[in-house]
C-alpha cells in the first residue's frame, strides 16, 4: 500500500481528497497508530489556527504589493 503523506491527511481533513484516497486513509487509520497521532496533531493545529486573530496588512504594504504587481517595484514618494 502506498504511504499516506501529511499532504494527504490535510486533504482528508478539509474533505478535499478523492473517494479512493479517503478510503485508503480510513483503512490505514484503523491500523496505524502513528498515522492516527499525525491526524490528531493536524486537527489540533487547525483548531489553533482557527482561533488566531489575523491582522490586515498596512496600507504601505498593500501599496508596495500593488506597485510590484504592476512591474514597478521601486518606492514612490
N, C-alpha and C. Protein backbone atom coordinates (compact mmCIF):
# COMPACT_ATOMS: atom_id res chain seq x y z
N UNK A 1 0.84 -1.18 0.00
CA UNK A 1 0.00 0.00 0.00
C UNK A 1 0.89 1.25 0.00
N UNK A 2 0.50 2.24 -0.77
CA UNK A 2 1.23 3.49 -0.86
C UNK A 2 1.14 4.24 0.48
N UNK A 3 2.26 4.82 0.90
CA UNK A 3 2.32 5.52 2.18
C UNK A 3 1.45 6.78 2.16
N UNK A 4 0.74 7.02 3.26
CA UNK A 4 -0.09 8.21 3.42
C UNK A 4 0.83 9.36 3.85
N UNK A 5 0.81 10.45 3.10
CA UNK A 5 1.66 11.60 3.40
C UNK A 5 0.85 12.64 4.19
N UNK A 6 1.58 13.57 4.79
CA UNK A 6 0.92 14.63 5.54
C UNK A 6 -0.02 15.44 4.65
N UNK A 7 0.38 15.67 3.41
CA UNK A 7 -0.46 16.41 2.46
C UNK A 7 -1.79 15.69 2.24
N UNK A 8 -1.73 14.35 2.21
CA UNK A 8 -2.95 13.55 2.06
C UNK A 8 -3.87 13.75 3.26
N UNK A 9 -3.29 13.78 4.45
CA UNK A 9 -4.09 13.97 5.66
C UNK A 9 -4.74 15.35 5.68
N UNK A 10 -4.03 16.35 5.19
CA UNK A 10 -4.60 17.70 5.13
C UNK A 10 -5.79 17.73 4.18
N UNK A 11 -5.62 17.10 3.01
CA UNK A 11 -6.75 17.00 2.08
C UNK A 11 -7.92 16.28 2.74
N UNK A 12 -7.63 15.24 3.48
CA UNK A 12 -8.66 14.47 4.18
C UNK A 12 -9.39 15.35 5.20
N UNK A 13 -8.64 16.11 5.98
CA UNK A 13 -9.26 16.98 6.98
C UNK A 13 -10.16 18.04 6.36
N UNK A 14 -9.75 18.56 5.21
CA UNK A 14 -10.54 19.58 4.52
C UNK A 14 -11.60 18.96 3.61
N UNK A 15 -11.70 17.64 3.63
CA UNK A 15 -12.66 16.90 2.80
C UNK A 15 -12.50 17.25 1.33
N UNK A 16 -11.23 17.31 0.90
CA UNK A 16 -10.91 17.65 -0.49
C UNK A 16 -10.17 16.52 -1.21
N UNK A 17 -10.16 15.34 -0.62
CA UNK A 17 -9.47 14.22 -1.26
C UNK A 17 -10.47 13.39 -2.06
N UNK A 18 -9.94 12.60 -2.95
CA UNK A 18 -10.78 11.73 -3.76
C UNK A 18 -11.39 10.64 -2.88
N UNK A 19 -12.48 10.04 -3.32
CA UNK A 19 -13.06 8.93 -2.56
C UNK A 19 -12.07 7.78 -2.36
N UNK A 20 -11.24 7.53 -3.36
CA UNK A 20 -10.25 6.45 -3.24
C UNK A 20 -9.22 6.77 -2.16
N UNK A 21 -8.74 8.01 -2.14
CA UNK A 21 -7.77 8.40 -1.11
C UNK A 21 -8.43 8.39 0.26
N UNK A 22 -9.65 8.85 0.35
CA UNK A 22 -10.36 8.83 1.63
C UNK A 22 -10.46 7.40 2.17
N UNK A 23 -10.79 6.47 1.31
CA UNK A 23 -10.91 5.07 1.73
C UNK A 23 -9.55 4.53 2.18
N UNK A 24 -8.48 4.87 1.45
CA UNK A 24 -7.13 4.43 1.83
C UNK A 24 -6.74 4.97 3.19
N UNK A 25 -7.02 6.25 3.41
CA UNK A 25 -6.67 6.88 4.68
C UNK A 25 -7.45 6.24 5.83
N UNK A 26 -8.73 6.06 5.62
CA UNK A 26 -9.55 5.48 6.69
C UNK A 26 -9.12 4.05 7.01
N UNK A 27 -8.76 3.30 6.01
CA UNK A 27 -8.26 1.95 6.25
C UNK A 27 -6.94 2.00 7.01
N UNK A 28 -6.05 2.89 6.58
CA UNK A 28 -4.74 3.00 7.23
C UNK A 28 -4.89 3.48 8.68
N UNK A 29 -5.85 4.36 8.93
CA UNK A 29 -6.07 4.86 10.29
C UNK A 29 -6.50 3.76 11.25
N UNK A 30 -7.18 2.75 10.74
CA UNK A 30 -7.61 1.64 11.58
C UNK A 30 -6.42 0.83 12.11
N UNK A 31 -5.31 0.87 11.38
CA UNK A 31 -4.18 0.00 11.69
C UNK A 31 -2.93 0.73 12.18
N UNK A 32 -2.82 2.00 11.91
CA UNK A 32 -1.55 2.71 12.11
C UNK A 32 -1.71 3.79 13.18
N UNK A 33 -1.19 3.51 14.37
CA UNK A 33 -1.32 4.46 15.48
C UNK A 33 -0.52 5.74 15.23
N UNK A 34 0.59 5.62 14.52
CA UNK A 34 1.38 6.82 14.19
C UNK A 34 0.59 7.74 13.27
N UNK A 35 -0.10 7.16 12.32
CA UNK A 35 -0.94 7.95 11.42
C UNK A 35 -2.08 8.60 12.19
N UNK A 36 -2.64 7.87 13.14
CA UNK A 36 -3.69 8.44 14.00
C UNK A 36 -3.16 9.64 14.77
N UNK A 37 -1.96 9.51 15.31
CA UNK A 37 -1.34 10.61 16.05
C UNK A 37 -1.09 11.81 15.15
N UNK A 38 -0.62 11.55 13.94
CA UNK A 38 -0.36 12.63 12.99
C UNK A 38 -1.65 13.36 12.62
N UNK A 39 -2.72 12.60 12.42
CA UNK A 39 -4.00 13.21 12.09
C UNK A 39 -4.50 14.07 13.25
N UNK A 40 -4.38 13.57 14.47
CA UNK A 40 -4.82 14.35 15.64
C UNK A 40 -3.98 15.61 15.81
N UNK A 41 -2.68 15.52 15.55
CA UNK A 41 -1.81 16.70 15.62
C UNK A 41 -2.25 17.75 14.61
N UNK A 42 -2.58 17.32 13.41
CA UNK A 42 -3.06 18.25 12.39
C UNK A 42 -4.40 18.86 12.78
N UNK A 43 -5.27 18.07 13.37
CA UNK A 43 -6.57 18.60 13.84
C UNK A 43 -6.37 19.69 14.89
N UNK A 44 -5.46 19.43 15.84
CA UNK A 44 -5.17 20.43 16.88
C UNK A 44 -4.61 21.71 16.25
N UNK A 45 -3.73 21.53 15.29
CA UNK A 45 -3.13 22.68 14.62
C UNK A 45 -4.20 23.50 13.92
N UNK A 46 -5.12 22.85 13.24
CA UNK A 46 -6.20 23.57 12.56
C UNK A 46 -7.08 24.32 13.55
N UNK A 47 -7.37 23.69 14.68
CA UNK A 47 -8.18 24.38 15.70
C UNK A 47 -7.46 25.62 16.22
N UNK A 48 -6.15 25.51 16.42
CA UNK A 48 -5.37 26.65 16.90
C UNK A 48 -5.35 27.76 15.85
N UNK A 49 -5.19 27.38 14.59
CA UNK A 49 -5.18 28.38 13.53
C UNK A 49 -6.52 29.10 13.43
N UNK A 50 -7.60 28.36 13.64
CA UNK A 50 -8.93 28.97 13.59
C UNK A 50 -9.12 30.01 14.69
N UNK A 51 -8.39 29.88 15.79
CA UNK A 51 -8.53 30.80 16.92
C UNK A 51 -7.70 32.08 16.74
N UNK A 52 -6.75 32.06 15.81
CA UNK A 52 -5.89 33.23 15.63
C UNK A 52 -6.67 34.41 15.07
N UNK A 53 -6.35 35.57 15.57
CA UNK A 53 -6.93 36.79 15.02
C UNK A 53 -5.90 37.38 14.08
N UNK A 54 -6.23 37.37 12.82
CA UNK A 54 -5.29 37.86 11.81
C UNK A 54 -5.51 39.36 11.58
N UNK A 55 -4.43 40.06 11.42
CA UNK A 55 -4.49 41.49 11.18
C UNK A 55 -4.39 41.75 9.68
N UNK A 56 -5.02 42.80 9.24
CA UNK A 56 -4.91 43.20 7.85
C UNK A 56 -3.55 43.83 7.62
N UNK A 57 -3.01 43.69 6.41
CA UNK A 57 -1.72 44.33 6.14
C UNK A 57 -1.87 45.86 6.13
N UNK A 58 -0.79 46.55 6.38
CA UNK A 58 -0.82 48.02 6.39
C UNK A 58 -1.06 48.54 4.98
N UNK A 59 -1.51 49.78 4.90
CA UNK A 59 -1.72 50.41 3.58
C UNK A 59 -0.41 50.48 2.82
N UNK A 60 0.69 50.73 3.54
CA UNK A 60 2.00 50.81 2.91
C UNK A 60 2.37 49.46 2.27
N UNK A 61 2.09 48.38 2.95
CA UNK A 61 2.38 47.04 2.41
C UNK A 61 1.52 46.77 1.18
N UNK A 62 0.25 47.12 1.25
CA UNK A 62 -0.63 46.91 0.10
C UNK A 62 -0.16 47.70 -1.11
N UNK A 63 0.25 48.93 -0.89
CA UNK A 63 0.75 49.76 -2.00
C UNK A 63 2.01 49.15 -2.61
N UNK A 64 2.91 48.64 -1.76
CA UNK A 64 4.14 48.03 -2.25
C UNK A 64 3.83 46.80 -3.10
N UNK A 65 2.88 45.99 -2.65
CA UNK A 65 2.49 44.80 -3.41
C UNK A 65 1.89 45.20 -4.75
N UNK A 66 1.04 46.21 -4.74
CA UNK A 66 0.42 46.67 -5.98
C UNK A 66 1.46 47.23 -6.96
N UNK A 67 2.42 47.99 -6.44
CA UNK A 67 3.49 48.51 -7.31
C UNK A 67 4.27 47.36 -7.92
N UNK A 68 4.59 46.39 -7.11
CA UNK A 68 5.34 45.23 -7.60
C UNK A 68 4.54 44.47 -8.66
N UNK A 69 3.25 44.30 -8.42
CA UNK A 69 2.40 43.57 -9.36
C UNK A 69 2.29 44.32 -10.68
N UNK A 70 2.42 45.63 -10.64
CA UNK A 70 2.34 46.44 -11.85
C UNK A 70 3.70 46.57 -12.52
N UNK A 71 4.72 45.90 -11.97
CA UNK A 71 6.03 45.90 -12.59
C UNK A 71 6.88 47.10 -12.22
N UNK A 72 6.55 47.78 -11.14
CA UNK A 72 7.31 48.94 -10.70
C UNK A 72 7.65 48.78 -9.23
N UNK A 73 8.67 47.95 -8.90
CA UNK A 73 8.96 47.68 -7.51
C UNK A 73 9.61 48.83 -6.75
N UNK A 74 10.05 49.88 -7.45
CA UNK A 74 10.69 51.00 -6.78
C UNK A 74 9.73 51.75 -5.89
N UNK A 75 10.30 52.42 -4.89
CA UNK A 75 9.47 53.16 -3.93
C UNK A 75 9.05 54.51 -4.50
N UNK A 76 7.78 54.83 -4.40
CA UNK A 76 7.28 56.14 -4.83
C UNK A 76 7.02 56.98 -3.60
N UNK A 77 7.32 58.26 -3.71
CA UNK A 77 7.11 59.16 -2.57
C UNK A 77 5.88 59.99 -2.77
